[in-house]
């Protein structure tokens, strides 16, 4: 029984490596895309929460939150939506002073900076 030449072994190893890359690459790209979406979601929500705090109007934040929640397919982003919903509750609370609102919003935004 012959084991073959060195070139056949190198070709076989290259084919195995190509198959491994072909199987792993879509998973890696999807994972990177989810990370990018989560990062972008955090950035936009942070910006919208700060704008809502300054203006006192949460309409833009609520609209973005509803749309993002409907199109989001990543279960790991659920806590981010929860933080945004808490921010809306704080901003809409009439019993809190502006300083108290700012302090509580800053605590919530620390989560979005991670």
C-alpha atoms as a PDB file:
ATOM      1  CA  UNK A   1       0.000   0.000   0.000  1.00  0.00           C
ATOM      2  CA  UNK A   2       1.425   3.376  -1.052  1.00  0.00           C
ATOM      3  CA  UNK A   3       0.952   6.456   1.127  1.00  0.00           C
ATOM      4  CA  UNK A   4       1.310   8.928  -1.737  1.00  0.00           C
ATOM      5  CA  UNK A   5       3.675  11.723  -2.525  1.00  0.00           C
ATOM      6  CA  UNK A   6       4.305  14.823  -0.448  1.00  0.00           C
ATOM      7  CA  UNK A   7       2.364  17.014  -2.889  1.00  0.00           C
ATOM      8  CA  UNK A   8      -0.767  14.885  -2.420  1.00  0.00           C
ATOM      9  CA  UNK A   9      -0.490  15.247   1.361  1.00  0.00           C
ATOM     10  CA  UNK A  10      -0.060  19.029   1.103  1.00  0.00           C
ATOM     11  CA  UNK A  11      -3.052  19.232  -1.234  1.00  0.00           C
ATOM     12  CA  UNK A  12      -5.181  17.195   1.169  1.00  0.00           C
ATOM     13  CA  UNK A  13      -4.167  19.378   4.123  1.00  0.00           C
ATOM     14  CA  UNK A  14      -5.014  22.523   2.134  1.00  0.00           C
ATOM     15  CA  UNK A  15      -8.434  21.131   1.220  1.00  0.00           C
ATOM     16  CA  UNK A  16      -9.157  20.301   4.860  1.00  0.00           C
ATOM     17  CA  UNK A  17      -8.126  23.816   5.889  1.00  0.00           C
ATOM     18  CA  UNK A  18     -10.346  25.321   3.170  1.00  0.00           C
ATOM     19  CA  UNK A  19     -13.346  23.319   4.371  1.00  0.00           C
ATOM     20  CA  UNK A  20     -12.739  24.397   7.978  1.00  0.00           C
ATOM     21  CA  UNK A  21     -12.557  28.063   6.954  1.00  0.00           C
ATOM     22  CA  UNK A  22     -15.694  27.729   4.817  1.00  0.00           C
ATOM     23  CA  UNK A  23     -17.592  26.269   7.765  1.00  0.00           C
ATOM     24  CA  UNK A  24     -16.323  28.727  10.385  1.00  0.00           C
ATOM     25  CA  UNK A  25     -16.308  32.017   8.447  1.00  0.00           C
ATOM     26  CA  UNK A  26     -20.098  32.619   8.298  1.00  0.00           C
ATOM     27  CA  UNK A  27     -20.371  32.036  12.053  1.00  0.00           C
ATOM     28  CA  UNK A  28     -17.534  34.468  12.732  1.00  0.00           C
ATOM     29  CA  UNK A  29     -18.974  37.148  10.443  1.00  0.00           C
ATOM     30  CA  UNK A  30     -22.433  36.833  12.009  1.00  0.00           C
ATOM     31  CA  UNK A  31     -20.953  37.157  15.484  1.00  0.00           C
ATOM     32  CA  UNK A  32     -18.986  40.253  14.485  1.00  0.00           C
ATOM     33  CA  UNK A  33     -22.112  41.791  12.936  1.00  0.00           C
ATOM     34  CA  UNK A  34     -24.087  41.217  16.157  1.00  0.00           C
ATOM     35  CA  UNK A  35     -21.341  42.890  18.192  1.00  0.00           C
ATOM     36  CA  UNK A  36     -21.360  45.844  15.815  1.00  0.00           C
ATOM     37  CA  UNK A  37     -25.152  46.191  16.018  1.00  0.00           C
ATOM     38  CA  UNK A  38     -25.079  46.041  19.815  1.00  0.00           C
ATOM     39  CA  UNK A  39     -22.360  48.692  19.950  1.00  0.00           C
ATOM     40  CA  UNK A  40     -24.291  50.944  17.569  1.00  0.00           C
ATOM     41  CA  UNK A  41     -27.505  50.418  19.527  1.00  0.00           C
ATOM     42  CA  UNK A  42     -25.783  51.477  22.738  1.00  0.00           C
ATOM     43  CA  UNK A  43     -24.291  54.572  21.108  1.00  0.00           C
ATOM     44  CA  UNK A  44     -27.577  55.735  19.609  1.00  0.00           C
ATOM     45  CA  UNK A  45     -29.547  55.064  22.789  1.00  0.00           C
ATOM     46  CA  UNK A  46     -26.986  56.939  24.869  1.00  0.00           C
ATOM     47  CA  UNK A  47     -27.272  59.898  22.533  1.00  0.00           C
ATOM     48  CA  UNK A  48     -31.078  59.818  22.487  1.00  0.00           C
ATOM     49  CA  UNK A  49     -31.319  59.491  26.276  1.00  0.00           C
ATOM     50  CA  UNK A  50     -29.049  62.500  26.736  1.00  0.00           C
ATOM     51  CA  UNK A  51     -31.075  64.505  24.206  1.00  0.00           C
ATOM     52  CA  UNK A  52     -34.321  63.508  25.910  1.00  0.00           C
ATOM     53  CA  UNK A  53     -32.923  64.543  29.270  1.00  0.00           C
ATOM     54  CA  UNK A  54     -31.938  67.952  27.911  1.00  0.00           C
ATOM     55  CA  UNK A  55     -35.223  68.633  26.136  1.00  0.00           C
ATOM     56  CA  UNK A  56     -37.548  66.798  28.501  1.00  0.00           C
ATOM     57  CA  UNK A  57     -39.260  65.096  25.545  1.00  0.00           C
ATOM     58  CA  UNK A  58     -38.988  61.332  25.171  1.00  0.00           C
ATOM     59  CA  UNK A  59     -40.911  60.989  21.905  1.00  0.00           C
ATOM     60  CA  UNK A  60     -37.825  60.385  19.722  1.00  0.00           C
ATOM     61  CA  UNK A  61     -36.416  57.902  22.225  1.00  0.00           C
ATOM     62  CA  UNK A  62     -39.723  56.021  22.430  1.00  0.00           C
ATOM     63  CA  UNK A  63     -40.024  55.836  18.646  1.00  0.00           C
ATOM     64  CA  UNK A  64     -36.470  54.581  18.177  1.00  0.00           C
ATOM     65  CA  UNK A  65     -36.924  52.075  20.990  1.00  0.00           C
ATOM     66  CA  UNK A  66     -40.084  50.623  19.443  1.00  0.00           C
ATOM     67  CA  UNK A  67     -38.558  50.301  15.988  1.00  0.00           C
ATOM     68  CA  UNK A  68     -35.293  48.842  17.278  1.00  0.00           C
ATOM     69  CA  UNK A  69     -37.108  46.330  19.440  1.00  0.00           C
ATOM     70  CA  UNK A  70     -39.101  45.078  16.460  1.00  0.00           C
ATOM     71  CA  UNK A  71     -36.134  44.620  14.143  1.00  0.00           C
ATOM     72  CA  UNK A  72     -33.656  43.309  16.715  1.00  0.00           C
ATOM     73  CA  UNK A  73     -32.961  39.571  16.622  1.00  0.00           C
ATOM     74  CA  UNK A  74     -30.298  39.431  19.323  1.00  0.00           C
ATOM     75  CA  UNK A  75     -31.570  38.226  22.703  1.00  0.00           C
ATOM     76  CA  UNK A  76     -28.481  39.661  24.380  1.00  0.00           C
ATOM     77  CA  UNK A  77     -29.769  43.181  23.654  1.00  0.00           C
ATOM     78  CA  UNK A  78     -32.847  42.815  25.873  1.00  0.00           C
ATOM     79  CA  UNK A  79     -31.108  44.402  28.910  1.00  0.00           C
ATOM     80  CA  UNK A  80     -30.199  47.408  26.758  1.00  0.00           C
ATOM     81  CA  UNK A  81     -33.858  47.945  25.913  1.00  0.00           C
ATOM     82  CA  UNK A  82     -34.705  47.609  29.581  1.00  0.00           C
ATOM     83  CA  UNK A  83     -32.206  50.339  30.470  1.00  0.00           C
ATOM     84  CA  UNK A  84     -33.693  52.626  27.807  1.00  0.00           C
ATOM     85  CA  UNK A  85     -37.199  51.971  29.128  1.00  0.00           C
ATOM     86  CA  UNK A  86     -36.039  52.834  32.663  1.00  0.00           C
ATOM     87  CA  UNK A  87     -34.541  56.052  31.311  1.00  0.00           C
ATOM     88  CA  UNK A  88     -37.884  56.973  29.750  1.00  0.00           C
ATOM     89  CA  UNK A  89     -39.613  56.339  33.063  1.00  0.00           C
ATOM     90  CA  UNK A  90     -37.130  58.544  34.904  1.00  0.00           C
ATOM     91  CA  UNK A  91     -37.312  61.391  32.380  1.00  0.00           C
ATOM     92  CA  UNK A  92     -41.124  61.334  32.359  1.00  0.00           C
ATOM     93  CA  UNK A  93     -41.321  61.298  36.180  1.00  0.00           C
ATOM     94  CA  UNK A  94     -42.619  64.712  37.252  1.00  0.00           C
ATOM     95  CA  UNK A  95     -41.787  64.196  40.939  1.00  0.00           C
ATOM     96  CA  UNK A  96     -38.022  64.151  40.381  1.00  0.00           C
ATOM     97  CA  UNK A  97     -35.953  67.303  40.120  1.00  0.00           C
ATOM     98  CA  UNK A  98     -33.657  67.852  37.144  1.00  0.00           C
ATOM     99  CA  UNK A  99     -30.618  67.094  39.299  1.00  0.00           C
ATOM    100  CA  UNK A 100     -32.094  63.807  40.525  1.00  0.00           C
ATOM    101  CA  UNK A 101     -33.028  62.840  36.975  1.00  0.00           C
ATOM    102  CA  UNK A 102     -29.502  63.602  35.771  1.00  0.00           C
ATOM    103  CA  UNK A 103     -27.974  61.540  38.563  1.00  0.00           C
ATOM    104  CA  UNK A 104     -30.196  58.505  37.914  1.00  0.00           C
ATOM    105  CA  UNK A 105     -29.727  58.738  34.139  1.00  0.00           C
ATOM    106  CA  UNK A 106     -25.943  58.879  34.583  1.00  0.00           C
ATOM    107  CA  UNK A 107     -26.114  55.666  36.627  1.00  0.00           C
ATOM    108  CA  UNK A 108     -28.156  53.986  33.888  1.00  0.00           C
ATOM    109  CA  UNK A 109     -25.855  55.196  31.133  1.00  0.00           C
ATOM    110  CA  UNK A 110     -22.878  53.585  32.867  1.00  0.00           C
ATOM    111  CA  UNK A 111     -24.363  50.262  31.785  1.00  0.00           C
ATOM    112  CA  UNK A 112     -24.485  51.417  28.166  1.00  0.00           C
ATOM    113  CA  UNK A 113     -20.804  52.429  28.274  1.00  0.00           C
ATOM    114  CA  UNK A 114     -19.672  48.850  28.879  1.00  0.00           C
END
